[in-house]
């Protein structure tokens, strides 16, 4: 029976969760502030686009993300987990 590297897997999960949460909080705070405090041309259209992307389920992007990560040579690397998580989190916040 093969041993599962529990601590390494736990670290990877915590690493991914903290990193994506931090980036999500940072970028969503900036976007929320801009939408709330500034009036600019195309604001309503951009906000509508943001809301429309929130309707797309994140699982719909799994195959395209896998193909992109393979093309970049990022298979079996941590950045292949957290880079695609940014737009998914940004669109679903």
C-alpha atoms as a PDB file:
ATOM      1  CA  UNK A   1       0.000   0.000   0.000  1.00  0.00           C
ATOM      2  CA  UNK A   2       1.367   3.391  -1.001  1.00  0.00           C
ATOM      3  CA  UNK A   3       1.697   6.049   1.677  1.00  0.00           C
ATOM      4  CA  UNK A   4      -0.039   9.352   1.062  1.00  0.00           C
ATOM      5  CA  UNK A   5       2.158  12.405   1.798  1.00  0.00           C
ATOM      6  CA  UNK A   6      -0.390  13.996   4.151  1.00  0.00           C
ATOM      7  CA  UNK A   7       1.639  17.009   5.270  1.00  0.00           C
ATOM      8  CA  UNK A   8       2.703  17.907   1.735  1.00  0.00           C
ATOM      9  CA  UNK A   9      -0.875  17.681   0.508  1.00  0.00           C
ATOM     10  CA  UNK A  10      -2.089  19.755   3.447  1.00  0.00           C
ATOM     11  CA  UNK A  11       0.568  22.402   2.731  1.00  0.00           C
ATOM     12  CA  UNK A  12      -0.410  22.501  -0.960  1.00  0.00           C
ATOM     13  CA  UNK A  13      -4.061  23.001  -0.042  1.00  0.00           C
ATOM     14  CA  UNK A  14      -3.308  25.758   2.451  1.00  0.00           C
ATOM     15  CA  UNK A  15      -0.896  27.420   0.018  1.00  0.00           C
ATOM     16  CA  UNK A  16      -3.497  27.464  -2.741  1.00  0.00           C
ATOM     17  CA  UNK A  17      -6.302  28.644  -0.441  1.00  0.00           C
ATOM     18  CA  UNK A  18      -4.317  31.488   1.137  1.00  0.00           C
ATOM     19  CA  UNK A  19      -2.832  32.694  -2.145  1.00  0.00           C
ATOM     20  CA  UNK A  20      -6.101  32.733  -4.101  1.00  0.00           C
ATOM     21  CA  UNK A  21      -8.012  34.269  -1.193  1.00  0.00           C
ATOM     22  CA  UNK A  22      -5.436  37.027  -0.865  1.00  0.00           C
ATOM     23  CA  UNK A  23      -5.457  37.875  -4.560  1.00  0.00           C
ATOM     24  CA  UNK A  24      -9.252  37.714  -4.664  1.00  0.00           C
ATOM     25  CA  UNK A  25      -9.601  40.096  -1.730  1.00  0.00           C
ATOM     26  CA  UNK A  26      -7.085  42.509  -3.228  1.00  0.00           C
ATOM     27  CA  UNK A  27      -8.528  42.690  -6.734  1.00  0.00           C
ATOM     28  CA  UNK A  28     -12.190  42.564  -5.719  1.00  0.00           C
ATOM     29  CA  UNK A  29     -11.615  45.374  -3.244  1.00  0.00           C
ATOM     30  CA  UNK A  30     -10.072  47.511  -5.987  1.00  0.00           C
ATOM     31  CA  UNK A  31     -12.896  46.733  -8.412  1.00  0.00           C
ATOM     32  CA  UNK A  32     -15.601  47.319  -5.801  1.00  0.00           C
ATOM     33  CA  UNK A  33     -14.115  50.656  -4.848  1.00  0.00           C
ATOM     34  CA  UNK A  34     -13.896  51.746  -8.484  1.00  0.00           C
ATOM     35  CA  UNK A  35     -17.506  50.793  -9.211  1.00  0.00           C
ATOM     36  CA  UNK A  36     -18.785  52.423  -6.022  1.00  0.00           C
ATOM     37  CA  UNK A  37     -16.835  55.674  -6.043  1.00  0.00           C
ATOM     38  CA  UNK A  38     -16.139  56.617  -9.651  1.00  0.00           C
ATOM     39  CA  UNK A  39     -18.358  57.423 -12.604  1.00  0.00           C
ATOM     40  CA  UNK A  40     -16.691  56.633 -15.892  1.00  0.00           C
ATOM     41  CA  UNK A  41     -17.725  55.942 -19.451  1.00  0.00           C
ATOM     42  CA  UNK A  42     -18.820  52.349 -19.914  1.00  0.00           C
ATOM     43  CA  UNK A  43     -19.250  51.732 -16.193  1.00  0.00           C
ATOM     44  CA  UNK A  44     -22.689  50.150 -16.548  1.00  0.00           C
ATOM     45  CA  UNK A  45     -21.573  47.956 -19.458  1.00  0.00           C
ATOM     46  CA  UNK A  46     -18.470  46.813 -17.593  1.00  0.00           C
ATOM     47  CA  UNK A  47     -20.483  46.080 -14.461  1.00  0.00           C
ATOM     48  CA  UNK A  48     -22.996  44.133 -16.565  1.00  0.00           C
ATOM     49  CA  UNK A  49     -20.146  42.126 -18.082  1.00  0.00           C
ATOM     50  CA  UNK A  50     -18.831  41.383 -14.598  1.00  0.00           C
ATOM     51  CA  UNK A  51     -22.250  40.180 -13.483  1.00  0.00           C
ATOM     52  CA  UNK A  52     -22.647  38.084 -16.638  1.00  0.00           C
ATOM     53  CA  UNK A  53     -19.329  36.316 -16.036  1.00  0.00           C
ATOM     54  CA  UNK A  54     -20.500  35.421 -12.539  1.00  0.00           C
ATOM     55  CA  UNK A  55     -23.242  33.314 -14.139  1.00  0.00           C
ATOM     56  CA  UNK A  56     -20.712  31.055 -15.887  1.00  0.00           C
ATOM     57  CA  UNK A  57     -19.925  28.009 -13.740  1.00  0.00           C
ATOM     58  CA  UNK A  58     -16.247  27.582 -12.917  1.00  0.00           C
ATOM     59  CA  UNK A  59     -16.303  23.923 -13.928  1.00  0.00           C
ATOM     60  CA  UNK A  60     -16.967  24.984 -17.512  1.00  0.00           C
ATOM     61  CA  UNK A  61     -13.375  26.225 -17.710  1.00  0.00           C
ATOM     62  CA  UNK A  62     -11.616  23.060 -16.554  1.00  0.00           C
ATOM     63  CA  UNK A  63     -10.735  21.678 -20.000  1.00  0.00           C
ATOM     64  CA  UNK A  64      -9.562  25.009 -21.481  1.00  0.00           C
ATOM     65  CA  UNK A  65      -7.432  25.677 -18.386  1.00  0.00           C
ATOM     66  CA  UNK A  66      -5.878  22.216 -18.617  1.00  0.00           C
ATOM     67  CA  UNK A  67      -5.029  22.766 -22.283  1.00  0.00           C
ATOM     68  CA  UNK A  68      -3.514  26.180 -21.545  1.00  0.00           C
ATOM     69  CA  UNK A  69      -1.447  24.813 -18.646  1.00  0.00           C
ATOM     70  CA  UNK A  70      -0.176  22.006 -20.874  1.00  0.00           C
ATOM     71  CA  UNK A  71       0.748  24.477 -23.630  1.00  0.00           C
ATOM     72  CA  UNK A  72       2.644  26.628 -21.106  1.00  0.00           C
ATOM     73  CA  UNK A  73       4.443  23.590 -19.695  1.00  0.00           C
ATOM     74  CA  UNK A  74       3.006  24.160 -16.237  1.00  0.00           C
ATOM     75  CA  UNK A  75       1.733  20.639 -15.598  1.00  0.00           C
ATOM     76  CA  UNK A  76       2.756  19.408 -12.100  1.00  0.00           C
ATOM     77  CA  UNK A  77       3.726  22.899 -10.935  1.00  0.00           C
ATOM     78  CA  UNK A  78       1.951  24.916  -8.208  1.00  0.00           C
ATOM     79  CA  UNK A  79       1.372  27.946 -10.420  1.00  0.00           C
ATOM     80  CA  UNK A  80      -0.840  25.743 -12.593  1.00  0.00           C
ATOM     81  CA  UNK A  81      -3.271  25.758  -9.658  1.00  0.00           C
ATOM     82  CA  UNK A  82      -3.280  29.361  -8.505  1.00  0.00           C
ATOM     83  CA  UNK A  83      -2.990  31.252 -11.793  1.00  0.00           C
ATOM     84  CA  UNK A  84      -6.244  29.830 -13.234  1.00  0.00           C
ATOM     85  CA  UNK A  85      -7.955  30.308  -9.869  1.00  0.00           C
ATOM     86  CA  UNK A  86      -7.679  34.108 -10.103  1.00  0.00           C
ATOM     87  CA  UNK A  87     -10.251  34.747 -12.819  1.00  0.00           C
ATOM     88  CA  UNK A  88     -12.586  32.117 -11.419  1.00  0.00           C
ATOM     89  CA  UNK A  89     -12.487  33.749  -8.000  1.00  0.00           C
ATOM     90  CA  UNK A  90     -12.647  37.244  -9.438  1.00  0.00           C
ATOM     91  CA  UNK A  91     -15.729  36.418 -11.464  1.00  0.00           C
ATOM     92  CA  UNK A  92     -17.498  34.643  -8.635  1.00  0.00           C
ATOM     93  CA  UNK A  93     -16.908  37.094  -5.821  1.00  0.00           C
END
